[in-house]
C-alpha atoms as a PDB file:
ATOM      1  CA  UNK A   1      89.989 -61.484 -62.756  1.00  0.00           C
ATOM      2  CA  UNK A   2      93.044 -59.494 -61.741  1.00  0.00           C
ATOM      3  CA  UNK A   3      91.306 -56.253 -62.753  1.00  0.00           C
ATOM      4  CA  UNK A   4      88.368 -57.077 -60.480  1.00  0.00           C
ATOM      5  CA  UNK A   5      90.851 -57.759 -57.672  1.00  0.00           C
ATOM      6  CA  UNK A   6      92.536 -54.384 -58.251  1.00  0.00           C
ATOM      7  CA  UNK A   7      89.115 -52.730 -58.439  1.00  0.00           C
ATOM      8  CA  UNK A   8      88.093 -54.176 -55.083  1.00  0.00           C
ATOM      9  CA  UNK A   9      91.329 -52.990 -53.478  1.00  0.00           C
ATOM     10  CA  UNK A  10      90.829 -49.489 -54.898  1.00  0.00           C
ATOM     11  CA  UNK A  11      87.192 -49.427 -53.772  1.00  0.00           C
ATOM     12  CA  UNK A  12      88.321 -50.397 -50.274  1.00  0.00           C
ATOM     13  CA  UNK A  13      90.945 -47.640 -50.160  1.00  0.00           C
ATOM     14  CA  UNK A  14      88.754 -44.926 -51.686  1.00  0.00           C
ATOM     15  CA  UNK A  15      85.754 -45.791 -49.502  1.00  0.00           C
ATOM     16  CA  UNK A  16      87.983 -45.453 -46.449  1.00  0.00           C
ATOM     17  CA  UNK A  17      89.343 -42.092 -47.590  1.00  0.00           C
ATOM     18  CA  UNK A  18      85.908 -40.715 -48.460  1.00  0.00           C
ATOM     19  CA  UNK A  19      84.409 -41.989 -45.213  1.00  0.00           C
ATOM     20  CA  UNK A  20      87.209 -40.340 -43.215  1.00  0.00           C
ATOM     21  CA  UNK A  21      86.371 -37.018 -44.862  1.00  0.00           C
ATOM     22  CA  UNK A  22      82.647 -37.507 -44.215  1.00  0.00           C
ATOM     23  CA  UNK A  23      83.271 -38.304 -40.557  1.00  0.00           C
ATOM     24  CA  UNK A  24      85.557 -35.303 -40.133  1.00  0.00           C
ATOM     25  CA  UNK A  25      83.225 -32.823 -41.840  1.00  0.00           C
ATOM     26  CA  UNK A  26      79.740 -33.936 -40.746  1.00  0.00           C
ATOM     27  CA  UNK A  27      80.338 -36.044 -37.604  1.00  0.00           C
ATOM     28  CA  UNK A  28      77.508 -38.584 -38.152  1.00  0.00           C
ATOM     29  CA  UNK A  29      76.078 -39.850 -34.889  1.00  0.00           C
ATOM     30  CA  UNK A  30      77.418 -43.184 -33.656  1.00  0.00           C
ATOM     31  CA  UNK A  31      80.229 -43.454 -36.207  1.00  0.00           C
ATOM     32  CA  UNK A  32      83.836 -43.547 -35.069  1.00  0.00           C
ATOM     33  CA  UNK A  33      87.110 -42.752 -36.735  1.00  0.00           C
ATOM     34  CA  UNK A  34      88.470 -46.234 -36.039  1.00  0.00           C
ATOM     35  CA  UNK A  35      86.465 -48.017 -38.717  1.00  0.00           C
ATOM     36  CA  UNK A  36      87.959 -46.464 -41.879  1.00  0.00           C
ATOM     37  CA  UNK A  37      91.391 -46.397 -40.278  1.00  0.00           C
ATOM     38  CA  UNK A  38      91.233 -50.206 -40.200  1.00  0.00           C
ATOM     39  CA  UNK A  39      90.170 -50.391 -43.860  1.00  0.00           C
ATOM     40  CA  UNK A  40      93.252 -48.533 -45.136  1.00  0.00           C
ATOM     41  CA  UNK A  41      95.924 -51.029 -43.943  1.00  0.00           C
ATOM     42  CA  UNK A  42      93.851 -53.952 -45.243  1.00  0.00           C
ATOM     43  CA  UNK A  43      93.669 -52.260 -48.652  1.00  0.00           C
ATOM     44  CA  UNK A  44      97.424 -51.687 -48.542  1.00  0.00           C
ATOM     45  CA  UNK A  45      98.016 -55.377 -47.747  1.00  0.00           C
ATOM     46  CA  UNK A  46      95.898 -56.297 -50.766  1.00  0.00           C
ATOM     47  CA  UNK A  47      97.887 -53.920 -52.987  1.00  0.00           C
ATOM     48  CA  UNK A  48     101.103 -55.502 -51.688  1.00  0.00           C
ATOM     49  CA  UNK A  49      99.718 -58.951 -52.473  1.00  0.00           C
ATOM     50  CA  UNK A  50      98.691 -57.887 -55.963  1.00  0.00           C
ATOM     51  CA  UNK A  51     101.969 -56.168 -56.796  1.00  0.00           C
ATOM     52  CA  UNK A  52     104.402 -58.761 -55.486  1.00  0.00           C
ATOM     53  CA  UNK A  53     102.492 -62.004 -55.416  1.00  0.00           C
ATOM     54  CA  UNK A  54     103.152 -64.481 -52.652  1.00  0.00           C
ATOM     55  CA  UNK A  55     106.686 -65.266 -53.766  1.00  0.00           C
ATOM     56  CA  UNK A  56     108.008 -61.849 -52.701  1.00  0.00           C
ATOM     57  CA  UNK A  57     107.219 -62.154 -48.985  1.00  0.00           C
ATOM     58  CA  UNK A  58     107.057 -65.160 -46.701  1.00  0.00           C
ATOM     59  CA  UNK A  59     103.743 -65.358 -44.877  1.00  0.00           C
ATOM     60  CA  UNK A  60     101.996 -62.757 -47.048  1.00  0.00           C
ATOM     61  CA  UNK A  61      99.275 -65.207 -48.060  1.00  0.00           C
ATOM     62  CA  UNK A  62      98.402 -65.968 -44.437  1.00  0.00           C
ATOM     63  CA  UNK A  63      98.580 -62.294 -43.511  1.00  0.00           C
ATOM     64  CA  UNK A  64      96.337 -61.231 -46.431  1.00  0.00           C
ATOM     65  CA  UNK A  65      93.783 -63.950 -45.710  1.00  0.00           C
ATOM     66  CA  UNK A  66      93.748 -63.064 -41.992  1.00  0.00           C
ATOM     67  CA  UNK A  67      93.396 -59.314 -42.656  1.00  0.00           C
ATOM     68  CA  UNK A  68      90.537 -59.789 -45.128  1.00  0.00           C
ATOM     69  CA  UNK A  69      88.833 -62.307 -42.842  1.00  0.00           C
ATOM     70  CA  UNK A  70      89.096 -59.927 -39.872  1.00  0.00           C
ATOM     71  CA  UNK A  71      87.598 -57.122 -41.950  1.00  0.00           C
ATOM     72  CA  UNK A  72      84.754 -59.357 -43.124  1.00  0.00           C
ATOM     73  CA  UNK A  73      84.000 -60.503 -39.563  1.00  0.00           C
ATOM     74  CA  UNK A  74      84.177 -56.912 -38.272  1.00  0.00           C
ATOM     75  CA  UNK A  75      81.721 -55.663 -40.871  1.00  0.00           C
ATOM     76  CA  UNK A  76      79.386 -58.632 -40.340  1.00  0.00           C
ATOM     77  CA  UNK A  77      79.280 -57.965 -36.610  1.00  0.00           C
ATOM     78  CA  UNK A  78      78.927 -54.208 -37.124  1.00  0.00           C
ATOM     79  CA  UNK A  79      76.008 -54.618 -39.547  1.00  0.00           C
ATOM     80  CA  UNK A  80      74.298 -57.109 -37.246  1.00  0.00           C
ATOM     81  CA  UNK A  81      74.654 -55.051 -34.079  1.00  0.00           C
ATOM     82  CA  UNK A  82      73.961 -51.655 -35.605  1.00  0.00           C
ATOM     83  CA  UNK A  83      71.066 -52.787 -37.760  1.00  0.00           C
ATOM     84  CA  UNK A  84      69.376 -54.741 -34.971  1.00  0.00           C
ATOM     85  CA  UNK A  85      69.838 -51.857 -32.513  1.00  0.00           C
ATOM     86  CA  UNK A  86      68.427 -49.338 -34.975  1.00  0.00           C
ATOM     87  CA  UNK A  87      65.373 -51.449 -35.802  1.00  0.00           C
ATOM     88  CA  UNK A  88      64.745 -52.295 -32.118  1.00  0.00           C
ATOM     89  CA  UNK A  89      64.985 -48.684 -30.927  1.00  0.00           C
ATOM     90  CA  UNK A  90      63.684 -46.643 -33.831  1.00  0.00           C
ATOM     91  CA  UNK A  91      61.740 -49.022 -36.027  1.00  0.00           C
ATOM     92  CA  UNK A  92      61.995 -50.333 -39.554  1.00  0.00           C
ATOM     93  CA  UNK A  93      60.956 -47.024 -41.110  1.00  0.00           C
ATOM     94  CA  UNK A  94      63.936 -45.197 -39.625  1.00  0.00           C
ATOM     95  CA  UNK A  95      66.282 -48.038 -40.593  1.00  0.00           C
ATOM     96  CA  UNK A  96      65.152 -47.720 -44.202  1.00  0.00           C
ATOM     97  CA  UNK A  97      65.224 -43.903 -44.084  1.00  0.00           C
ATOM     98  CA  UNK A  98      68.780 -43.949 -42.702  1.00  0.00           C
ATOM     99  CA  UNK A  99      69.975 -46.532 -45.231  1.00  0.00           C
ATOM    100  CA  UNK A 100      72.536 -44.069 -46.631  1.00  0.00           C
ATOM    101  CA  UNK A 101      74.496 -44.467 -43.375  1.00  0.00           C
ATOM    102  CA  UNK A 102      74.821 -48.199 -44.036  1.00  0.00           C
ATOM    103  CA  UNK A 103      76.195 -47.889 -47.556  1.00  0.00           C
ATOM    104  CA  UNK A 104      79.944 -47.722 -46.684  1.00  0.00           C
ATOM    105  CA  UNK A 105      79.604 -50.737 -44.396  1.00  0.00           C
ATOM    106  CA  UNK A 106      77.722 -52.747 -47.021  1.00  0.00           C
ATOM    107  CA  UNK A 107      80.293 -51.829 -49.672  1.00  0.00           C
ATOM    108  CA  UNK A 108      83.115 -52.834 -47.348  1.00  0.00           C
ATOM    109  CA  UNK A 109      81.370 -56.108 -46.490  1.00  0.00           C
ATOM    110  CA  UNK A 110      81.079 -57.170 -50.133  1.00  0.00           C
ATOM    111  CA  UNK A 111      84.553 -55.929 -51.071  1.00  0.00           C
ATOM    112  CA  UNK A 112      86.120 -57.720 -48.079  1.00  0.00           C
ATOM    113  CA  UNK A 113      84.343 -60.935 -49.054  1.00  0.00           C
ATOM    114  CA  UNK A 114      85.639 -60.604 -52.625  1.00  0.00           C
ATOM    115  CA  UNK A 115      89.190 -59.817 -51.455  1.00  0.00           C
ATOM    116  CA  UNK A 116      89.103 -62.792 -49.095  1.00  0.00           C
ATOM    117  CA  UNK A 117      88.169 -65.009 -52.017  1.00  0.00           C
ATOM    118  CA  UNK A 118      90.899 -63.517 -54.198  1.00  0.00           C
ATOM    119  CA  UNK A 119      93.466 -63.950 -51.409  1.00  0.00           C
ATOM    120  CA  UNK A 120      92.588 -67.602 -51.021  1.00  0.00           C
ATOM    121  CA  UNK A 121      92.364 -68.388 -54.742  1.00  0.00           C
ATOM    122  CA  UNK A 122      95.400 -66.426 -55.953  1.00  0.00           C
ATOM    123  CA  UNK A 123      98.156 -68.605 -57.347  1.00  0.00           C
ATOM    124  CA  UNK A 124     101.604 -68.695 -55.791  1.00  0.00           C
ATOM    125  CA  UNK A 125     103.005 -65.779 -57.806  1.00  0.00           C
ATOM    126  CA  UNK A 126     101.145 -63.457 -60.138  1.00  0.00           C
ATOM    127  CA  UNK A 127     103.961 -61.088 -61.026  1.00  0.00           C
ATOM    128  CA  UNK A 128     107.642 -60.511 -60.507  1.00  0.00           C
ATOM    129  CA  UNK A 129     108.552 -59.366 -56.997  1.00  0.00           C
ATOM    130  CA  UNK A 130     109.869 -55.861 -56.525  1.00  0.00           C
ATOM    131  CA  UNK A 131     113.628 -55.519 -56.891  1.00  0.00           C
ATOM    132  CA  UNK A 132     114.192 -58.362 -59.361  1.00  0.00           C
END
């Protein structure tokens, strides 16, 4: 299970990095730089949680759960608003034709949900804290 947790954290970080490059090079319409910049710190919090466990830092469990929950809520709202707006203004055909624009958000939604579950279910300490 720990490998799946690491995989989700890496997917979150790499999706953010790739999406930053895509935004910078192609400037897709309606997509801002703020979205992937929020994904990177959440991925880093998950890496910190995985490396040190909860014993290394006081309040890390609460912070990791809150960060993953915020990311999940953000992506849920973003998918709901953007998808409904696209279907209302341009129709279902365009929404399906432009599905490739939704892929990073869908990936982030599922990865954030998995990381939220891992943050809640992780035992008190999974490894030795750094510096001991």
